[in-house]
Amino acid sequence: MKALAAGLTATLAALLPQVSASEALTAASTPFAESAFASHQPDLANGELVFNAAGCAACHAVEGDAELLAGGQEIKTKFGALYSPNITADPEHGIGGWTNAQFLNAVLLGQKPDGGQYYGAVFPYASYAYMTPEDALDLRSYMATLPASDAASKPHEVNIANDWVLSSWNEVPVALSAQADPQLQRGQYLAEALGHCGECHTPRLNGLGFKNDRDQEHAFEGESGLLGGYAPNIAAKRLASYGPEAFVTGALKQGLKLNGKPMTGPRMRRIAAQMGKLPVDDRAALYAYLTGAPFDASTLPAEPQEEPVTVAVAVEETIEDTTGAEALMSRVNAYCEAEAEAAADLAAAPVPAAATGIDPALEAEVDALVELHCRNCHGPGQTYQRAFFTGDLTDIARDPAIVVPGNPDASPLYESIASNRMPVGSKITAAELQKMAAWINALAAAPTPAARPAPEPENVQTPILPRFAGGSFEEQLFAA
């Protein structure tokens, strides 16, 4: 019988398609020798694609210029203030003097040229370890074409004890399974290696503060990490409930949350701005991998096309300015006006209207109740977010684990309150509970809001802005 079973197993192994271990992504683990890839011939077009997928600008670019990677962004953590370094091609203050091997060891292994180790808690080299050396060097060559900056990298403000904790959190790459489908293979590479999505969106196992490992059993289910803000749930079930267009076009190109509202986190807005430059097939591959099923990108509606920006230059007669003061002030004023216009654009961005049939005042009252009694424990980044996530009210309305439209008694949100199990430490009045029931009943008659229409293209007049990377008043004055 054993011989028969063994023979049958061998026959099936020969007949069925096999996925070899070699098809799984392989993480770098051994330091690169100084001579490694010394003669690499870069592909700049591929380097630009890697740059947009890898999110370098999200942390290293100065405010208002995604191509000036002078660093200096402050990352406030409970361990102190961390600052992103200058990664421009400047040979003294950037990485222009590094060899290819030093760059590979830094990006793929987290090793500094002086032999030290970068903080794995904020520098995602454990994910970049899955990047091919060729892609990494194409990335380096593309970044070398961007403006260089002589701004010195600011040292982290971390005491000895917290430095020890952060240094002990240096990660190792997570185990990844092989993907048989070519689209899922591409999606896995984009999500796990280049895009390092799990670094922010996967919860952490802190182990009383002595480790910072990713909880792969809950991969991509949302987390509030050291970088600040809440990285929302992008796991298969939630993405599938909104559909591919909300993620592929809305989130990764237009900078919208899945529910259609504008993203407000500065770092996530930068990531979306870069991801939006990727081919739609790559963004669709990301969706396919995260949802676990191939997806035909051609079924997506046509995406809005960006119109070329028109730069208007005003010409007028002026008295010669021999001091340069007027030129300096005009550039400073242009910078301030551009910031104001950007803020106004965000404030004026259209958002989907409330679902038809639901009183906005009722929605506001229910949202206030959820904010007061639920989100302090079950909200984004809170202790029990996984047990009963109460984020945006629009998302709550779509989550069958929280509400059943038209049936308050079958809705866990209502039932847990009506049975006096929740909230802990406070009580909702009968009138407030009735408002929640009225909102749940109203959801049954409310159609799903239509997708937000694409904005009409328009020419934008953009002033020429000065390039500077912060610093003291004197440094900014002379940098202009």
Protein backbone atom coordinates (compact mmCIF):
# COMPACT_ATOMS: atom_id res chain seq x y z
CA MET A 1 0.00 0.00 0.00
CA LYS A 2 2.84 2.40 0.87
CA ALA A 3 4.51 1.60 -2.45
CA LEU A 4 1.24 2.28 -4.30
CA ALA A 5 0.80 5.62 -2.49
CA ALA A 6 4.37 6.60 -3.26
CA GLY A 7 3.91 5.72 -6.91
CA LEU A 8 0.68 7.72 -7.12
CA THR A 9 2.36 10.71 -5.50
CA ALA A 10 5.23 10.56 -7.97
CA THR A 11 2.80 10.32 -10.90
CA LEU A 12 0.80 13.34 -9.72
CA ALA A 13 4.00 15.29 -9.18
CA ALA A 14 4.98 14.64 -12.76
CA LEU A 15 1.56 15.55 -14.20
CA LEU A 16 0.56 18.61 -12.14
CA PRO A 17 2.17 22.03 -12.73
CA GLN A 18 4.84 22.70 -10.14
CA VAL A 19 5.91 25.94 -8.45
CA SER A 20 9.56 25.62 -7.56
CA ALA A 21 11.16 27.32 -4.60
CA SER A 22 13.31 29.27 -7.06
CA GLU A 23 10.18 31.15 -8.19
CA ALA A 24 9.70 32.67 -4.75
CA LEU A 25 11.28 36.05 -4.09
CA THR A 26 14.74 35.75 -2.60
CA ALA A 27 15.98 38.27 -0.04
CA ALA A 28 19.56 39.50 0.03
CA SER A 29 21.41 38.25 3.12
CA THR A 30 25.14 38.43 2.40
CA PRO A 31 27.06 41.73 2.18
CA PHE A 32 28.09 42.71 -1.33
CA ALA A 33 31.81 42.72 -2.06
CA GLU A 34 33.37 46.02 -3.12
CA SER A 35 33.72 44.77 -6.70
CA ALA A 36 30.05 43.67 -6.94
CA PHE A 37 28.18 45.16 -9.91
CA ALA A 38 30.97 47.68 -10.45
CA SER A 39 30.35 47.65 -14.21
CA HIS A 40 26.54 47.69 -14.07
CA GLN A 41 24.98 49.52 -17.02
CA PRO A 42 21.89 51.31 -15.67
CA ASP A 43 18.46 51.47 -17.23
CA LEU A 44 17.23 54.96 -16.30
CA ALA A 45 13.64 54.34 -17.40
CA ASN A 46 13.46 51.34 -15.11
CA GLY A 47 15.16 53.37 -12.38
CA GLU A 48 12.42 55.97 -12.58
CA LEU A 49 9.75 53.28 -12.28
CA VAL A 50 11.51 51.81 -9.23
CA PHE A 51 11.80 55.30 -7.71
CA ASN A 52 8.06 55.87 -8.04
CA ALA A 53 7.20 52.43 -6.65
CA ALA A 54 9.68 52.51 -3.77
CA GLY A 55 8.35 55.72 -2.21
CA CYS A 56 11.76 57.35 -1.67
CA ALA A 57 10.27 60.84 -2.00
CA ALA A 58 7.74 60.19 0.77
CA CYS A 59 10.41 60.45 3.46
CA HIS A 60 13.46 62.01 1.79
CA ALA A 61 12.01 64.78 -0.41
CA VAL A 62 11.72 68.33 0.88
CA GLU A 63 8.25 69.81 1.18
CA GLY A 64 6.87 70.84 -2.21
CA ASP A 65 9.51 69.15 -4.39
CA ALA A 66 9.40 65.36 -4.88
CA GLU A 67 12.70 65.42 -6.80
CA LEU A 68 14.86 67.17 -4.18
CA LEU A 69 15.83 64.31 -1.87
CA ALA A 70 17.71 66.47 0.64
CA GLY A 71 16.01 64.82 3.64
CA GLY A 72 15.39 66.66 6.87
CA GLN A 73 11.82 65.41 7.41
CA GLU A 74 11.22 64.99 11.13
CA ILE A 75 9.69 61.70 12.26
CA LYS A 76 8.38 62.20 15.79
CA THR A 77 8.35 58.98 17.81
CA LYS A 78 8.10 58.04 21.48
CA PHE A 79 11.83 57.27 21.29
CA GLY A 80 12.82 60.72 20.09
CA ALA A 81 12.95 62.72 16.87
CA LEU A 82 14.33 60.94 13.79
CA TYR A 83 15.34 62.77 10.60
CA SER A 84 15.51 61.43 7.06
CA PRO A 85 18.98 61.85 5.53
CA ASN A 86 20.14 63.55 2.36
CA ILE A 87 20.21 60.91 -0.41
CA THR A 88 20.99 63.21 -3.33
CA ALA A 89 24.09 62.76 -5.50
CA ASP A 90 26.07 65.36 -3.53
CA PRO A 91 29.44 63.66 -2.87
CA GLU A 92 29.94 65.17 0.60
CA HIS A 93 26.51 65.45 2.21
CA GLY A 94 24.60 62.95 0.06
CA ILE A 95 25.43 59.53 -1.38
CA GLY A 96 27.26 60.64 -4.53
CA GLY A 97 30.56 59.29 -3.24
CA TRP A 98 29.28 55.78 -2.53
CA THR A 99 30.25 52.75 -4.56
CA ASN A 100 27.64 50.44 -6.02
CA ALA A 101 28.41 47.89 -3.32
CA GLN A 102 27.95 50.45 -0.54
CA PHE A 103 24.59 51.46 -2.00
CA LEU A 104 23.43 47.83 -2.25
CA ASN A 105 24.54 47.07 1.31
CA ALA A 106 22.70 50.14 2.58
CA VAL A 107 19.42 49.67 0.71
CA LEU A 108 19.13 45.87 0.76
CA LEU A 109 20.84 45.08 4.09
CA GLY A 110 20.62 48.30 6.11
CA GLN A 111 24.40 48.54 6.52
CA LYS A 112 26.02 51.97 6.69
CA PRO A 113 29.26 52.56 4.77
CA ASP A 114 31.03 52.98 8.14
CA GLY A 115 29.87 49.54 9.28
CA GLY A 116 26.94 50.67 11.45
CA GLN A 117 23.33 49.67 11.02
CA TYR A 118 20.36 51.82 10.05
CA TYR A 119 17.19 51.75 12.16
CA GLY A 120 15.05 49.01 10.64
CA ALA A 121 12.01 50.40 12.44
CA VAL A 122 11.86 53.33 9.99
CA PHE A 123 14.11 52.34 7.06
CA PRO A 124 12.40 49.42 5.26
CA TYR A 125 15.54 47.58 4.15
CA ALA A 126 14.02 44.28 5.32
CA SER A 127 11.53 44.70 2.46
CA TYR A 128 14.01 46.23 0.02
CA ALA A 129 16.09 43.08 0.60
CA TYR A 130 13.77 41.41 -1.95
CA MET A 131 14.66 44.02 -4.59
CA THR A 132 16.97 42.76 -7.31
CA PRO A 133 20.45 44.36 -7.23
CA GLU A 134 19.92 45.51 -10.81
CA ASP A 135 16.71 47.36 -9.90
CA ALA A 136 18.44 48.93 -6.90
CA LEU A 137 21.32 50.21 -9.04
CA ASP A 138 18.93 51.49 -11.72
CA LEU A 139 17.23 53.38 -8.90
CA ARG A 140 20.55 54.83 -7.79
CA SER A 141 21.40 55.96 -11.32
CA TYR A 142 18.01 57.61 -11.75
CA MET A 143 18.33 59.46 -8.42
CA ALA A 144 21.72 60.71 -9.62
CA THR A 145 19.92 62.59 -12.40
CA LEU A 146 17.85 64.53 -9.84
CA PRO A 147 19.03 67.82 -8.25
CA ALA A 148 21.86 67.47 -5.73
CA SER A 149 21.80 69.26 -2.38
CA ASP A 150 24.65 70.22 -0.05
CA ALA A 151 22.33 70.21 2.99
CA ALA A 152 23.94 68.19 5.77
CA SER A 153 21.87 65.33 7.17
CA LYS A 154 20.52 66.16 10.60
CA PRO A 155 21.45 63.68 13.37
CA HIS A 156 18.68 61.85 15.19
CA GLU A 157 17.69 63.17 18.61
CA VAL A 158 17.66 59.87 20.50
CA ASN A 159 19.16 59.06 23.91
CA ILE A 160 21.39 56.05 24.54
CA ALA A 161 18.64 53.82 25.93
CA ASN A 162 16.26 54.49 23.06
CA ASP A 163 19.08 54.06 20.54
CA TRP A 164 19.61 50.58 22.00
CA VAL A 165 15.91 49.76 21.61
CA LEU A 166 15.72 51.02 18.03
CA SER A 167 18.96 49.24 17.12
CA SER A 168 17.60 45.97 18.52
CA TRP A 169 14.52 46.27 16.32
CA ASN A 170 16.46 45.69 13.12
CA GLU A 171 14.28 43.35 11.13
CA VAL A 172 14.81 40.29 9.01
CA PRO A 173 12.79 39.77 5.81
CA VAL A 174 9.45 38.02 6.28
CA ALA A 175 8.89 34.64 4.65
CA LEU A 176 7.05 34.89 1.33
CA SER A 177 5.29 32.19 -0.65
CA ALA A 178 5.80 31.64 -4.36
CA GLN A 179 3.18 32.99 -6.75
CA ALA A 180 2.34 30.94 -9.83
CA ASP A 181 0.41 33.62 -11.72
CA PRO A 182 2.63 36.21 -13.50
CA GLN A 183 0.39 39.11 -12.43
CA LEU A 184 0.50 37.98 -8.78
CA GLN A 185 4.27 37.61 -9.06
CA ARG A 186 4.56 41.20 -10.24
CA GLY A 187 2.13 42.36 -7.57
CA GLN A 188 4.08 40.58 -4.87
CA TYR A 189 7.31 42.21 -5.99
CA LEU A 190 5.69 45.64 -6.00
CA ALA A 191 3.94 45.16 -2.63
CA GLU A 192 6.59 43.26 -0.68
CA ALA A 193 9.85 44.55 -2.16
CA LEU A 194 9.56 47.94 -3.87
CA GLY A 195 6.42 49.35 -2.25
CA HIS A 196 7.15 47.76 1.18
CA CYS A 197 3.41 48.01 1.94
CA GLY A 198 3.57 45.65 4.91
CA GLU A 199 6.05 47.85 6.76
CA CYS A 200 3.27 50.32 7.58
CA HIS A 201 0.00 48.44 6.92
CA THR A 202 0.78 45.22 8.83
CA PRO A 203 0.34 45.18 12.64
CA ARG A 204 3.41 44.68 14.82
CA LEU A 205 4.23 42.14 17.51
CA ASN A 206 6.04 44.33 20.03
CA GLY A 207 6.86 41.70 22.67
CA LEU A 208 6.78 44.18 25.58
CA GLY A 209 8.92 46.55 23.56
CA PHE A 210 11.80 44.17 22.87
CA LYS A 211 10.88 43.38 19.29
CA ASN A 212 9.01 44.95 16.40
CA ASP A 213 8.18 41.99 14.16
CA ARG A 214 5.41 42.09 11.58
CA ASP A 215 2.34 40.03 12.47
CA GLN A 216 2.01 38.08 9.24
CA GLU A 217 -1.15 36.33 10.43
CA HIS A 218 -2.83 39.73 10.08
CA ALA A 219 -0.88 41.02 7.10
CA PHE A 220 -2.04 44.40 5.72
CA GLU A 221 -4.88 44.74 8.27
CA GLY A 222 -3.81 48.23 9.40
CA GLU A 223 -1.40 49.69 11.94
CA SER A 224 -0.33 52.88 13.69
CA GLY A 225 3.44 52.72 13.51
CA LEU A 226 6.47 54.83 14.35
CA LEU A 227 6.03 57.00 11.25
CA GLY A 228 2.87 58.47 12.73
CA GLY A 229 -0.69 58.36 11.50
CA TYR A 230 -2.73 55.28 10.77
CA ALA A 231 -1.97 53.03 7.80
CA PRO A 232 -5.41 51.60 7.00
CA ASN A 233 -6.52 48.06 6.35
CA ILE A 234 -5.69 47.06 2.74
CA ALA A 235 -6.23 43.33 3.20
CA ALA A 236 -8.19 41.29 0.64
CA LYS A 237 -11.62 41.43 2.29
CA ARG A 238 -11.69 45.22 2.64
CA LEU A 239 -10.26 45.92 -0.82
CA ALA A 240 -12.76 43.56 -2.42
CA SER A 241 -15.66 45.33 -0.67
CA TYR A 242 -14.74 48.60 -2.41
CA GLY A 243 -13.68 47.18 -5.76
CA PRO A 244 -10.58 47.65 -7.91
CA GLU A 245 -11.29 51.18 -9.18
CA ALA A 246 -11.31 52.63 -5.64
CA PHE A 247 -7.81 51.24 -5.06
CA VAL A 248 -6.10 51.21 -8.47
CA THR A 249 -7.31 54.64 -9.57
CA GLY A 250 -8.74 56.31 -6.48
CA ALA A 251 -6.08 55.51 -3.88
CA LEU A 252 -2.97 54.97 -6.02
CA LYS A 253 -3.51 57.73 -8.58
CA GLN A 254 -5.93 60.35 -7.24
CA GLY A 255 -4.88 60.29 -3.59
CA LEU A 256 -8.31 59.25 -2.29
CA LYS A 257 -9.23 56.94 0.54
CA LEU A 258 -11.17 53.85 -0.46
CA ASN A 259 -14.38 55.60 0.59
CA GLY A 260 -13.64 58.42 -1.87
CA LYS A 261 -12.60 61.11 0.58
CA PRO A 262 -9.21 62.84 0.10
CA MET A 263 -6.23 61.42 1.93
CA THR A 264 -4.98 63.86 4.54
CA GLY A 265 -1.74 62.21 5.72
CA PRO A 266 1.16 64.10 4.07
CA ARG A 267 3.33 61.00 3.68
CA MET A 268 0.55 58.89 2.18
CA ARG A 269 -0.34 61.72 -0.22
CA ARG A 270 3.29 61.74 -1.42
CA ILE A 271 3.24 57.98 -1.87
CA ALA A 272 0.01 58.17 -3.89
CA ALA A 273 1.46 60.95 -6.04
CA GLN A 274 4.43 58.73 -6.94
CA MET A 275 2.42 55.53 -7.31
CA GLY A 276 0.09 57.34 -9.70
CA LYS A 277 2.97 57.55 -12.17
CA LEU A 278 3.19 53.75 -12.40
CA PRO A 279 1.53 52.01 -15.37
CA VAL A 280 -2.05 50.98 -14.62
CA ASP A 281 -1.01 47.35 -15.14
CA ASP A 282 1.41 47.62 -12.21
CA ARG A 283 -1.20 49.19 -9.95
CA ALA A 284 -3.66 46.48 -10.99
CA ALA A 285 -1.03 43.85 -10.17
CA LEU A 286 -0.80 45.31 -6.66
CA TYR A 287 -4.57 44.97 -6.27
CA ALA A 288 -4.46 41.42 -7.62
CA TYR A 289 -1.76 40.37 -5.15
CA LEU A 290 -3.41 42.00 -2.14
CA THR A 291 -6.78 40.40 -2.97
CA GLY A 292 -5.22 37.08 -3.99
CA ALA A 293 -6.83 36.81 -7.43
CA PRO A 294 -5.77 37.86 -10.95
CA PHE A 295 -7.50 40.97 -12.25
CA ASP A 296 -7.98 42.26 -15.80
CA ALA A 297 -6.86 45.91 -15.78
CA SER A 298 -8.61 46.54 -19.09
CA THR A 299 -11.98 46.32 -17.31
CA LEU A 300 -11.24 49.52 -15.37
CA PRO A 301 -12.86 52.77 -16.54
CA ALA A 302 -10.55 55.12 -18.43
CA GLU A 303 -8.42 57.11 -16.01
CA PRO A 304 -8.37 60.92 -16.12
CA GLN A 305 -5.36 62.21 -18.05
CA GLU A 306 -3.17 64.91 -16.59
CA GLU A 307 -2.89 68.00 -18.75
CA PRO A 308 0.56 69.53 -19.26
CA VAL A 309 1.26 72.37 -16.86
CA THR A 310 1.49 75.82 -18.42
CA VAL A 311 4.04 78.11 -16.79
CA ALA A 312 3.23 81.78 -17.26
CA VAL A 313 6.08 84.29 -17.05
CA ALA A 314 5.06 87.89 -16.53
CA VAL A 315 7.15 90.52 -18.32
CA GLU A 316 6.95 94.10 -17.19
CA GLU A 317 9.17 97.17 -17.04
CA THR A 318 10.93 97.58 -13.74
CA ILE A 319 13.69 99.69 -12.32
CA GLU A 320 16.93 97.72 -12.18
CA ASP A 321 17.32 96.09 -8.79
CA THR A 322 21.04 96.20 -7.99
CA THR A 323 20.63 94.73 -4.49
CA GLY A 324 18.66 91.63 -5.49
CA ALA A 325 16.17 92.27 -2.69
CA GLU A 326 13.12 92.53 -4.96
CA ALA A 327 13.99 89.31 -6.79
CA LEU A 328 14.44 87.47 -3.50
CA MET A 329 11.15 88.71 -2.04
CA SER A 330 9.22 87.91 -5.23
CA ARG A 331 10.43 84.31 -5.05
CA VAL A 332 9.61 84.04 -1.35
CA ASN A 333 6.13 85.46 -1.99
CA ALA A 334 5.62 83.04 -4.88
CA TYR A 335 6.50 80.15 -2.59
CA CYS A 336 4.05 81.32 0.09
CA GLU A 337 1.27 81.85 -2.47
CA ALA A 338 1.84 78.37 -3.92
CA GLU A 339 1.50 76.84 -0.43
CA ALA A 340 -1.74 78.76 0.12
CA GLU A 341 -3.11 77.63 -3.26
CA ALA A 342 -2.24 74.00 -2.48
CA ALA A 343 -4.05 74.21 0.86
CA ALA A 344 -7.06 75.84 -0.79
CA ASP A 345 -7.15 73.11 -3.47
CA LEU A 346 -7.23 70.41 -0.78
CA ALA A 347 -9.95 72.21 1.17
CA ALA A 348 -12.04 72.68 -1.96
CA ALA A 349 -11.58 69.12 -3.23
CA PRO A 350 -15.04 67.64 -3.92
CA VAL A 351 -16.03 64.62 -1.87
CA PRO A 352 -18.93 62.23 -2.40
CA ALA A 353 -22.17 63.55 -0.99
CA ALA A 354 -23.88 61.77 1.87
CA ALA A 355 -25.97 58.80 0.83
CA THR A 356 -29.39 59.88 -0.43
CA GLY A 357 -32.09 59.52 2.20
CA ILE A 358 -29.89 59.96 5.28
CA ASP A 359 -30.16 63.21 7.17
CA PRO A 360 -26.64 64.74 7.38
CA ALA A 361 -27.49 66.01 10.88
CA LEU A 362 -28.32 62.44 11.95
CA GLU A 363 -25.04 61.18 10.47
CA ALA A 364 -23.14 63.90 12.34
CA GLU A 365 -24.83 62.96 15.64
CA VAL A 366 -24.10 59.25 15.20
CA ASP A 367 -20.50 60.00 14.21
CA ALA A 368 -20.12 62.07 17.38
CA LEU A 369 -21.46 59.15 19.44
CA VAL A 370 -19.01 56.73 17.84
CA GLU A 371 -16.18 59.20 18.39
CA LEU A 372 -17.06 59.65 22.07
CA HIS A 373 -17.82 56.07 23.03
CA CYS A 374 -16.11 53.73 20.52
CA ARG A 375 -13.03 55.10 18.79
CA ASN A 376 -10.95 55.59 21.93
CA CYS A 377 -10.62 51.78 22.09
CA HIS A 378 -11.68 50.53 18.65
CA GLY A 379 -10.56 53.40 16.42
CA PRO A 380 -7.55 53.58 14.10
CA GLY A 381 -4.38 52.51 15.88
CA GLN A 382 -6.15 51.72 19.16
CA THR A 383 -5.83 48.56 21.26
CA TYR A 384 -8.96 46.80 20.02
CA GLN A 385 -9.04 48.03 16.43
CA ARG A 386 -8.89 44.49 15.11
CA ALA A 387 -11.78 43.26 17.23
CA PHE A 388 -14.30 45.91 16.19
CA PHE A 389 -12.86 48.59 13.93
CA THR A 390 -14.72 51.90 14.15
CA GLY A 391 -13.02 54.20 11.69
CA ASP A 392 -14.74 56.59 9.30
CA LEU A 393 -18.54 56.40 9.49
CA THR A 394 -18.67 55.77 5.73
CA ASP A 395 -16.53 52.66 6.23
CA ILE A 396 -18.58 51.51 9.22
CA ALA A 397 -21.73 51.65 7.09
CA ARG A 398 -20.15 49.22 4.60
CA ASP A 399 -18.81 46.73 7.16
CA PRO A 400 -21.24 43.83 7.81
CA ALA A 401 -19.22 42.93 10.91
CA ILE A 402 -20.40 46.19 12.47
CA VAL A 403 -23.80 47.09 10.98
CA VAL A 404 -26.52 45.33 9.01
CA PRO A 405 -28.39 48.07 7.10
CA GLY A 406 -32.06 48.16 8.06
CA ASN A 407 -31.66 45.80 11.03
CA PRO A 408 -30.33 47.41 14.24
CA ASP A 409 -30.88 44.27 16.33
CA ALA A 410 -28.64 42.24 13.99
CA SER A 411 -25.99 44.98 13.93
CA PRO A 412 -23.14 44.27 16.41
CA LEU A 413 -22.63 48.02 16.92
CA TYR A 414 -26.20 48.53 18.10
CA GLU A 415 -26.62 45.17 19.84
CA SER A 416 -23.48 45.51 21.98
CA ILE A 417 -24.72 48.89 23.24
CA ALA A 418 -28.38 47.87 23.68
CA SER A 419 -27.29 44.86 25.77
CA ASN A 420 -25.17 47.13 28.00
CA ARG A 421 -21.95 45.28 27.13
CA MET A 422 -20.50 48.41 25.56
CA PRO A 423 -19.20 51.01 26.00
CA VAL A 424 -17.08 50.30 29.07
CA GLY A 425 -17.03 53.09 31.62
CA SER A 426 -19.82 55.16 30.08
CA LYS A 427 -23.41 54.71 28.98
CA ILE A 428 -25.38 55.92 25.98
CA THR A 429 -28.81 57.36 26.68
CA ALA A 430 -31.98 55.85 25.26
CA ALA A 431 -32.40 58.85 22.96
CA GLU A 432 -28.85 58.44 21.63
CA LEU A 433 -29.39 54.72 21.09
CA GLN A 434 -32.56 55.52 19.14
CA LYS A 435 -30.60 57.86 16.86
CA MET A 436 -28.13 55.06 16.14
CA ALA A 437 -31.03 52.73 15.31
CA ALA A 438 -32.53 55.37 13.01
CA TRP A 439 -29.21 55.73 11.18
CA ILE A 440 -28.89 51.94 10.70
CA ASN A 441 -32.47 51.76 9.39
CA ALA A 442 -31.79 54.64 7.01
CA LEU A 443 -28.81 52.78 5.53
CA ALA A 444 -31.16 50.17 4.03
CA ALA A 445 -32.87 52.78 1.87
CA ALA A 446 -29.68 54.64 0.97
CA PRO A 447 -28.07 53.68 -2.36
CA THR A 448 -24.31 53.36 -2.52
CA PRO A 449 -22.83 56.76 -3.43
CA ALA A 450 -21.72 56.98 -7.06
CA ALA A 451 -18.04 57.19 -7.81
CA ARG A 452 -16.64 60.67 -7.73
CA PRO A 453 -16.52 62.12 -11.27
CA ALA A 454 -13.12 63.00 -12.64
CA PRO A 455 -12.35 66.71 -12.37
CA GLU A 456 -12.32 68.77 -15.54
CA PRO A 457 -8.74 69.28 -16.75
CA GLU A 458 -7.47 72.81 -16.55
CA ASN A 459 -4.25 74.65 -17.17
CA VAL A 460 -2.54 75.70 -13.99
CA GLN A 461 -0.16 78.63 -13.75
CA THR A 462 2.69 77.61 -11.52
CA PRO A 463 5.27 80.14 -10.33
CA ILE A 464 8.94 79.22 -10.43
CA LEU A 465 9.82 78.32 -6.85
CA PRO A 466 13.21 78.47 -5.10
CA ARG A 467 14.86 75.21 -4.15
CA PHE A 468 15.93 74.97 -0.55
CA ALA A 469 16.03 72.27 2.09
CA GLY A 470 15.28 74.20 5.26
CA GLY A 471 17.86 75.28 7.81
CA SER A 472 18.42 78.56 9.60
CA PHE A 473 17.06 81.91 8.36
CA GLU A 474 20.49 82.81 6.98
CA GLU A 475 20.77 79.47 5.13
CA GLN A 476 17.33 79.90 3.57
CA LEU A 477 18.12 83.52 2.67
CA PHE A 478 21.28 82.68 0.72
CA ALA A 479 19.87 79.43 -0.72
CA ALA A 480 17.17 81.41 -2.50
